[in-house]
N, C-alpha and C. Protein backbone atom coordinates (compact mmCIF):
# COMPACT_ATOMS: atom_id res chain seq x y z
N MET A 1 97.05 57.89 95.18
CA MET A 1 96.97 58.72 93.98
C MET A 1 98.38 59.16 93.61
N GLY A 2 98.76 58.96 92.36
CA GLY A 2 100.08 59.34 91.90
C GLY A 2 100.22 60.85 91.77
N ASP A 3 101.47 61.30 91.69
CA ASP A 3 101.73 62.74 91.61
C ASP A 3 101.10 63.38 90.39
N LYS A 4 101.20 62.71 89.24
CA LYS A 4 100.62 63.28 88.01
C LYS A 4 99.10 63.32 88.09
N GLN A 5 98.51 62.28 88.67
CA GLN A 5 97.05 62.25 88.82
C GLN A 5 96.60 63.35 89.79
N LEU A 6 97.34 63.52 90.87
CA LEU A 6 97.02 64.58 91.82
C LEU A 6 97.14 65.94 91.15
N GLY A 7 98.18 66.11 90.35
CA GLY A 7 98.36 67.37 89.63
C GLY A 7 97.19 67.67 88.72
N LYS A 8 96.67 66.64 88.07
CA LYS A 8 95.52 66.82 87.18
C LYS A 8 94.29 67.28 87.98
N VAL A 9 94.08 66.69 89.15
CA VAL A 9 92.96 67.08 90.01
C VAL A 9 93.12 68.53 90.44
N ILE A 10 94.33 68.91 90.81
CA ILE A 10 94.60 70.28 91.25
C ILE A 10 94.35 71.26 90.11
N LYS A 11 94.85 70.94 88.93
CA LYS A 11 94.66 71.83 87.78
C LYS A 11 93.18 71.99 87.44
N GLU A 12 92.44 70.88 87.43
CA GLU A 12 91.01 70.96 87.13
C GLU A 12 90.27 71.80 88.16
N ALA A 13 90.60 71.62 89.44
CA ALA A 13 89.94 72.40 90.49
C ALA A 13 90.29 73.88 90.36
N ARG A 14 91.55 74.17 90.06
CA ARG A 14 91.98 75.57 89.90
C ARG A 14 91.25 76.22 88.73
N ASN A 15 91.17 75.52 87.61
CA ASN A 15 90.47 76.06 86.44
C ASN A 15 88.98 76.25 86.71
N LYS A 16 88.39 75.29 87.42
CA LYS A 16 86.96 75.39 87.75
C LYS A 16 86.66 76.64 88.57
N LEU A 17 87.60 77.00 89.46
CA LEU A 17 87.41 78.18 90.29
C LEU A 17 87.86 79.47 89.58
N GLY A 18 88.42 79.32 88.39
CA GLY A 18 88.87 80.49 87.63
C GLY A 18 90.10 81.15 88.21
N LEU A 19 90.95 80.37 88.87
CA LEU A 19 92.16 80.91 89.48
C LEU A 19 93.38 80.61 88.63
N THR A 20 94.34 81.53 88.66
CA THR A 20 95.60 81.30 87.96
C THR A 20 96.57 80.60 88.91
N GLN A 21 97.64 80.06 88.33
CA GLN A 21 98.68 79.45 89.17
C GLN A 21 99.26 80.50 90.11
N LYS A 22 99.43 81.72 89.62
CA LYS A 22 99.98 82.80 90.44
C LYS A 22 99.06 83.09 91.64
N GLU A 23 97.75 83.15 91.41
CA GLU A 23 96.82 83.42 92.51
C GLU A 23 96.87 82.33 93.56
N VAL A 24 96.88 81.07 93.13
CA VAL A 24 96.92 79.97 94.09
C VAL A 24 98.24 79.98 94.84
N SER A 25 99.33 80.17 94.13
CA SER A 25 100.63 80.15 94.80
C SER A 25 100.74 81.29 95.82
N GLU A 26 100.23 82.46 95.50
CA GLU A 26 100.27 83.58 96.44
C GLU A 26 99.42 83.28 97.67
N LYS A 27 98.23 82.73 97.47
CA LYS A 27 97.36 82.40 98.61
C LYS A 27 97.97 81.31 99.49
N ALA A 28 98.70 80.38 98.84
CA ALA A 28 99.30 79.27 99.58
C ALA A 28 100.66 79.64 100.17
N GLY A 29 101.20 80.77 99.76
CA GLY A 29 102.49 81.20 100.26
C GLY A 29 103.65 80.37 99.71
N VAL A 30 103.51 79.94 98.45
CA VAL A 30 104.58 79.17 97.81
C VAL A 30 105.02 79.86 96.53
N ASN A 31 106.19 79.51 96.05
CA ASN A 31 106.73 80.05 94.82
C ASN A 31 105.89 79.59 93.63
N MET A 32 105.60 80.51 92.72
CA MET A 32 104.74 80.16 91.58
C MET A 32 105.37 79.09 90.70
N ASN A 33 106.68 79.16 90.47
CA ASN A 33 107.33 78.15 89.63
C ASN A 33 107.25 76.77 90.29
N TRP A 34 107.42 76.73 91.62
CA TRP A 34 107.30 75.46 92.33
C TRP A 34 105.87 74.93 92.19
N PHE A 35 104.88 75.81 92.34
CA PHE A 35 103.48 75.37 92.23
C PHE A 35 103.19 74.81 90.84
N ALA A 36 103.72 75.45 89.81
CA ALA A 36 103.51 74.95 88.44
C ALA A 36 104.08 73.55 88.29
N ARG A 37 105.27 73.33 88.85
CA ARG A 37 105.87 71.99 88.79
C ARG A 37 105.06 70.99 89.63
N PHE A 38 104.57 71.43 90.77
CA PHE A 38 103.73 70.56 91.62
C PHE A 38 102.47 70.16 90.87
N GLU A 39 101.87 71.11 90.19
CA GLU A 39 100.65 70.85 89.42
C GLU A 39 100.91 69.86 88.28
N ARG A 40 102.12 69.86 87.75
CA ARG A 40 102.48 68.92 86.68
C ARG A 40 102.93 67.58 87.25
N GLY A 41 102.99 67.45 88.56
CA GLY A 41 103.39 66.20 89.18
C GLY A 41 104.89 66.03 89.26
N GLU A 42 105.63 67.12 89.11
CA GLU A 42 107.09 67.06 89.11
C GLU A 42 107.70 67.38 90.47
N GLU A 43 106.91 67.86 91.40
CA GLU A 43 107.38 68.23 92.74
C GLU A 43 106.49 67.58 93.79
N ASN A 44 107.07 67.36 94.95
CA ASN A 44 106.31 66.89 96.10
C ASN A 44 106.08 68.05 97.04
N ALA A 45 105.12 67.87 97.94
CA ALA A 45 104.82 68.92 98.91
C ALA A 45 104.62 68.29 100.28
N SER A 46 104.88 69.08 101.29
CA SER A 46 104.60 68.60 102.65
C SER A 46 103.09 68.46 102.80
N GLN A 47 102.70 67.69 103.77
CA GLN A 47 101.26 67.51 104.00
C GLN A 47 100.61 68.86 104.32
N GLU A 48 101.30 69.70 105.06
CA GLU A 48 100.76 71.02 105.41
C GLU A 48 100.52 71.86 104.16
N THR A 49 101.48 71.85 103.23
CA THR A 49 101.33 72.62 102.00
C THR A 49 100.22 72.04 101.14
N ARG A 50 100.16 70.70 101.04
CA ARG A 50 99.06 70.08 100.28
C ARG A 50 97.71 70.48 100.87
N ASP A 51 97.61 70.40 102.19
CA ASP A 51 96.34 70.74 102.84
C ASP A 51 95.94 72.19 102.56
N THR A 52 96.92 73.09 102.57
CA THR A 52 96.64 74.50 102.28
C THR A 52 96.13 74.65 100.85
N ILE A 53 96.79 74.00 99.91
CA ILE A 53 96.37 74.09 98.50
C ILE A 53 95.00 73.47 98.32
N PHE A 54 94.77 72.32 98.95
CA PHE A 54 93.45 71.67 98.85
C PHE A 54 92.36 72.59 99.40
N LYS A 55 92.63 73.27 100.51
CA LYS A 55 91.64 74.17 101.11
C LYS A 55 91.33 75.32 100.16
N ILE A 56 92.36 75.91 99.58
CA ILE A 56 92.17 77.02 98.64
C ILE A 56 91.32 76.58 97.45
N LEU A 57 91.59 75.37 96.96
CA LEU A 57 90.90 74.87 95.77
C LEU A 57 89.64 74.07 96.08
N LYS A 58 89.29 73.99 97.37
CA LYS A 58 88.08 73.29 97.81
C LYS A 58 88.10 71.82 97.37
N ILE A 59 89.28 71.18 97.53
CA ILE A 59 89.45 69.78 97.18
C ILE A 59 89.37 68.95 98.45
N LYS A 60 88.58 67.89 98.39
CA LYS A 60 88.51 66.96 99.51
C LYS A 60 89.05 65.63 99.03
N ILE A 61 90.28 65.34 99.44
CA ILE A 61 90.94 64.11 99.03
C ILE A 61 91.47 63.41 100.28
N SER A 62 91.28 62.14 100.30
CA SER A 62 91.87 61.33 101.35
C SER A 62 93.11 60.69 100.76
N TYR A 63 94.24 60.92 101.39
CA TYR A 63 95.48 60.36 100.88
C TYR A 63 96.41 60.00 102.02
N SER A 64 97.39 59.20 101.70
CA SER A 64 98.40 58.86 102.69
C SER A 64 99.76 59.21 102.12
N VAL A 65 100.63 59.67 102.97
CA VAL A 65 101.98 60.01 102.56
C VAL A 65 102.86 58.82 102.89
N ASP A 66 103.50 58.26 101.86
CA ASP A 66 104.36 57.09 102.05
C ASP A 66 105.69 57.48 102.65
């Protein structure tokens, strides 16, 4: 899954749960501006950070890090 496609999945899941970027970033312990860029597919994240965000947003994705 490409970064932009992943960002779209993250944004849709966040909106479905009624969460703001600020709420997700605070729960994940990341900077809100970084999270906004990550959601747009402009930033990468460590597997640990991705897993944390996926857990918060209740996303189940199987992916591999190249």
